[in-house]
């Protein structure tokens, strides 16, 4: 069930509808990073350089130029580290688009899910960002423990990502409390699916499309679990 969901979602990432969402996500991410770059550069020029000149008066003019170059390099490294988190936030706004593509393409006879309101999508995107940051902070704290650091990365991210994305897929069809209860009932399956998402997250470049892959995968997983639930507890 998990393997089928992951394989189908991975193949769907290269389909035209998915590419359209990805390029839209990438374009907005680039715009966000450019705006952030310009803002931080202006802040450095406005605050840091005058403060440095006040602290160390009499510096030659070339020292300021070198300081600007060093600041630009530091900002460039900072931007590189922010690519994945910013992409995660932007992609989180288009999770419903991905879910709709999957439902329309692979489950055309089923009733479509309900798209979440824009504010709820933004909250989910920010929660995903928080999950990624929290998971990696926990793993970072365990870096000094041999043999545990890598396992911690996968276990923490597997649990948190599996929980967030499964509940997203389930809430398109169920009330939030019911979606959470279903996730708890299949906690082991959802956790294993989260481990697959964690592996995706750990691969450079592929981590940029992790939210899109995770959303598609969990739509398939929720459909499979729903079918199993229906078979176990048929409605009268």
Protein backbone atom coordinates (compact mmCIF):
# COMPACT_ATOMS: atom_id res chain seq x y z
CA UNK A 1 0.00 0.00 0.00
CA UNK A 2 2.76 2.47 0.97
CA UNK A 3 5.03 1.37 -1.86
CA UNK A 4 2.23 1.72 -4.41
CA UNK A 5 1.32 5.19 -3.11
CA UNK A 6 4.95 6.37 -3.18
CA UNK A 7 5.66 4.91 -6.63
CA UNK A 8 2.52 6.44 -8.14
CA UNK A 9 3.23 9.84 -6.57
CA UNK A 10 6.84 9.80 -7.79
CA UNK A 11 5.78 9.08 -11.38
CA UNK A 12 3.10 11.74 -11.22
CA UNK A 13 5.67 14.39 -10.29
CA UNK A 14 6.87 14.47 -13.89
CA UNK A 15 3.39 14.66 -15.42
CA UNK A 16 2.33 17.97 -17.05
CA UNK A 17 -0.22 18.98 -14.36
CA UNK A 18 2.36 18.44 -11.61
CA UNK A 19 5.05 20.29 -13.58
CA UNK A 20 2.70 23.26 -13.89
CA UNK A 21 2.29 23.44 -10.11
CA UNK A 22 6.03 22.94 -9.58
CA UNK A 23 7.02 25.76 -11.94
CA UNK A 24 4.45 28.00 -10.30
CA UNK A 25 5.92 27.12 -6.92
CA UNK A 26 9.47 27.62 -8.15
CA UNK A 27 8.65 31.01 -9.69
CA UNK A 28 7.08 32.31 -6.47
CA UNK A 29 10.00 30.91 -4.47
CA UNK A 30 12.51 32.78 -6.65
CA UNK A 31 10.52 36.00 -6.27
CA UNK A 32 10.39 35.52 -2.49
CA UNK A 33 14.14 34.87 -2.30
CA UNK A 34 14.94 37.89 -4.49
CA UNK A 35 12.77 40.10 -2.29
CA UNK A 36 14.43 38.67 0.81
CA UNK A 37 17.89 39.21 -0.71
CA UNK A 38 17.15 42.84 -1.55
CA UNK A 39 15.69 43.44 1.88
CA UNK A 40 18.62 41.93 3.74
CA UNK A 41 21.16 43.69 1.50
CA UNK A 42 19.51 47.03 2.17
CA UNK A 43 19.44 46.27 5.89
CA UNK A 44 23.18 45.48 5.91
CA UNK A 45 24.00 48.66 4.01
CA UNK A 46 21.75 50.73 6.24
CA UNK A 47 22.73 49.31 9.65
CA UNK A 48 25.82 47.13 9.62
CA UNK A 49 28.25 49.16 7.50
CA UNK A 50 27.62 52.53 9.22
CA UNK A 51 27.93 50.77 12.59
CA UNK A 52 31.26 49.25 11.53
CA UNK A 53 32.57 52.63 10.38
CA UNK A 54 31.54 54.19 13.69
CA UNK A 55 33.12 51.38 15.68
CA UNK A 56 36.37 51.47 13.71
CA UNK A 57 36.87 55.05 12.49
CA UNK A 58 39.64 55.77 10.02
CA UNK A 59 39.22 52.56 8.04
CA UNK A 60 40.37 52.94 4.42
CA UNK A 61 37.70 52.98 1.74
CA UNK A 62 38.70 49.56 0.44
CA UNK A 63 37.91 48.04 3.86
CA UNK A 64 34.27 48.97 3.40
CA UNK A 65 34.29 47.34 -0.04
CA UNK A 66 35.74 44.13 1.39
CA UNK A 67 33.15 44.22 4.15
CA UNK A 68 30.39 44.52 1.57
CA UNK A 69 31.79 41.56 -0.39
CA UNK A 70 32.00 39.42 2.75
CA UNK A 71 28.45 40.37 3.69
CA UNK A 72 27.24 39.48 0.17
CA UNK A 73 28.94 36.05 0.37
CA UNK A 74 27.40 35.42 3.81
CA UNK A 75 23.98 36.41 2.50
CA UNK A 76 24.43 34.11 -0.49
CA UNK A 77 25.12 31.15 1.81
CA UNK A 78 22.12 32.15 3.91
CA UNK A 79 19.91 32.23 0.81
CA UNK A 80 21.14 28.75 -0.16
CA UNK A 81 20.07 27.44 3.24
CA UNK A 82 16.68 29.12 2.92
CA UNK A 83 15.80 27.66 -0.49
CA UNK A 84 14.24 24.47 0.88
CA UNK A 85 12.26 26.13 3.73
CA UNK A 86 10.95 28.93 1.50
CA UNK A 87 9.98 26.41 -1.17
CA UNK A 88 8.18 24.39 1.51
CA UNK A 89 6.10 27.39 2.56
CA UNK A 90 5.23 28.37 -1.02
CA UNK A 91 4.47 24.77 -2.05
CA UNK A 92 2.21 24.44 0.97
CA UNK A 93 -0.12 26.96 -0.65
CA UNK A 94 -0.63 24.63 -3.64
CA UNK A 95 -1.20 21.31 -1.88
CA UNK A 96 -4.90 21.38 -2.75
CA UNK A 97 -3.98 21.84 -6.42
CA UNK A 98 -1.89 18.67 -6.27
CA UNK A 99 -4.61 16.77 -4.41
CA UNK A 100 -7.19 17.80 -6.99
CA UNK A 101 -4.95 16.62 -9.84
CA UNK A 102 -4.49 13.23 -8.17
CA UNK A 103 -8.19 12.82 -7.40
CA UNK A 104 -9.29 13.89 -10.87
CA UNK A 105 -6.72 11.73 -12.67
CA UNK A 106 -6.65 8.55 -10.60
CA UNK A 107 -10.07 8.54 -8.91
CA UNK A 108 -12.42 10.11 -11.47
CA UNK A 109 -15.46 8.18 -10.22
CA UNK A 110 -15.03 9.25 -6.59
CA UNK A 111 -16.49 12.43 -5.15
CA UNK A 112 -13.81 15.17 -5.13
CA UNK A 113 -12.40 16.42 -1.86
CA UNK A 114 -13.01 19.85 -0.40
CA UNK A 115 -10.26 22.40 -0.88
CA UNK A 116 -9.09 24.04 2.32
CA UNK A 117 -9.61 27.79 2.74
CA UNK A 118 -6.61 29.96 1.85
CA UNK A 119 -5.92 30.80 5.50
CA UNK A 120 -5.97 27.12 6.45
CA UNK A 121 -3.55 26.35 3.60
CA UNK A 122 -1.20 29.06 4.86
CA UNK A 123 -1.38 27.64 8.37
CA UNK A 124 -0.57 24.16 7.04
CA UNK A 125 2.36 25.57 5.05
CA UNK A 126 3.74 27.27 8.16
CA UNK A 127 3.20 24.10 10.19
CA UNK A 128 5.13 22.13 7.58
CA UNK A 129 7.97 24.65 7.86
CA UNK A 130 7.87 24.33 11.63
CA UNK A 131 7.91 20.54 11.37
CA UNK A 132 10.99 20.60 9.13
CA UNK A 133 12.81 23.03 11.41
CA UNK A 134 11.87 21.15 14.59
CA UNK A 135 12.78 17.78 13.13
CA UNK A 136 16.17 18.96 12.00
CA UNK A 137 16.87 20.75 15.29
CA UNK A 138 16.17 17.56 17.21
CA UNK A 139 18.42 15.61 14.84
CA UNK A 140 21.09 18.31 15.19
CA UNK A 141 21.02 18.00 18.98
CA UNK A 142 21.72 14.28 18.61
CA UNK A 143 24.62 14.70 16.20
CA UNK A 144 27.11 14.02 18.98
CA UNK A 145 25.53 10.65 19.73
CA UNK A 146 27.16 8.13 17.34
CA UNK A 147 24.75 6.01 15.37
CA UNK A 148 21.68 7.94 16.49
CA UNK A 149 21.86 11.19 14.50
CA UNK A 150 20.76 9.77 11.13
CA UNK A 151 18.12 7.60 12.76
CA UNK A 152 16.84 10.63 14.67
CA UNK A 153 16.46 12.62 11.46
CA UNK A 154 14.32 9.92 9.87
CA UNK A 155 12.30 9.01 12.97
CA UNK A 156 11.43 12.58 13.95
CA UNK A 157 10.71 13.75 10.42
CA UNK A 158 8.93 10.52 9.59
CA UNK A 159 6.50 10.95 12.46
CA UNK A 160 5.88 14.66 12.01
CA UNK A 161 5.68 14.70 8.21
CA UNK A 162 3.53 11.59 8.09
CA UNK A 163 1.12 13.09 10.60
CA UNK A 164 0.82 16.49 8.92
CA UNK A 165 0.40 15.30 5.35
CA UNK A 166 -1.92 12.39 6.09
CA UNK A 167 -4.24 14.65 8.06
CA UNK A 168 -4.15 17.14 5.19
CA UNK A 169 -5.28 14.45 2.73
CA UNK A 170 -7.88 13.08 5.12
CA UNK A 171 -9.36 16.50 5.97
CA UNK A 172 -10.35 16.99 2.34
CA UNK A 173 -12.97 14.31 2.98
CA UNK A 174 -13.47 14.20 6.75
CA UNK A 175 -13.86 16.53 9.73
CA UNK A 176 -10.57 17.29 11.48
CA UNK A 177 -11.33 15.12 14.53
CA UNK A 178 -12.24 12.15 12.34
CA UNK A 179 -9.10 12.63 10.22
CA UNK A 180 -6.96 12.66 13.34
CA UNK A 181 -8.65 9.54 14.70
CA UNK A 182 -8.10 7.71 11.40
CA UNK A 183 -4.43 8.68 11.44
CA UNK A 184 -4.05 7.31 14.96
CA UNK A 185 -5.81 4.08 14.00
CA UNK A 186 -3.27 3.55 11.21
CA UNK A 187 -0.35 5.16 13.05
CA UNK A 188 2.18 2.53 11.96
CA UNK A 189 1.27 2.81 8.28
CA UNK A 190 1.31 6.60 8.40
CA UNK A 191 4.69 6.59 10.16
CA UNK A 192 6.21 4.30 7.51
CA UNK A 193 4.85 6.61 4.82
CA UNK A 194 6.43 9.51 6.70
CA UNK A 195 9.78 7.72 6.57
CA UNK A 196 9.50 7.61 2.78
CA UNK A 197 8.84 11.36 2.77
CA UNK A 198 11.86 11.85 5.06
CA UNK A 199 14.05 9.98 2.59
CA UNK A 200 12.77 12.27 -0.15
CA UNK A 201 13.51 15.28 2.04
CA UNK A 202 17.10 14.14 2.60
CA UNK A 203 17.99 14.19 -1.12
CA UNK A 204 19.28 17.56 -2.42
CA UNK A 205 17.14 19.15 -5.15
CA UNK A 206 14.44 16.52 -4.67
CA UNK A 207 13.77 18.12 -1.29
CA UNK A 208 12.40 21.11 -3.19
CA UNK A 209 9.40 19.08 -4.32
CA UNK A 210 8.94 17.18 -1.04
CA UNK A 211 5.63 18.92 -0.14
CA UNK A 212 4.18 18.15 -3.58
CA UNK A 213 5.33 14.52 -3.46
CA UNK A 214 4.08 14.13 0.11
CA UNK A 215 0.65 15.55 -0.71
CA UNK A 216 0.21 13.25 -3.71
CA UNK A 217 1.46 10.21 -1.82
CA UNK A 218 -0.84 10.80 1.13
CA UNK A 219 -3.87 11.28 -1.13
CA UNK A 220 -3.22 7.80 -2.52
CA UNK A 221 -2.61 6.39 0.95
CA UNK A 222 -5.79 7.92 2.33
CA UNK A 223 -7.77 6.48 -0.58
CA UNK A 224 -6.33 3.00 0.11
CA UNK A 225 -7.03 3.24 3.84
CA UNK A 226 -10.55 4.54 3.20
CA UNK A 227 -11.22 1.57 0.92
CA UNK A 228 -9.99 -0.78 3.64
CA UNK A 229 -12.19 0.95 6.21
CA UNK A 230 -15.21 0.60 3.94
CA UNK A 231 -14.49 -3.10 3.47
CA UNK A 232 -14.16 -3.63 7.22
CA UNK A 233 -17.14 -1.52 8.24
CA UNK A 234 -19.58 -1.45 5.31
CA UNK A 235 -22.35 1.05 5.59
CA UNK A 236 -25.85 -0.26 5.81
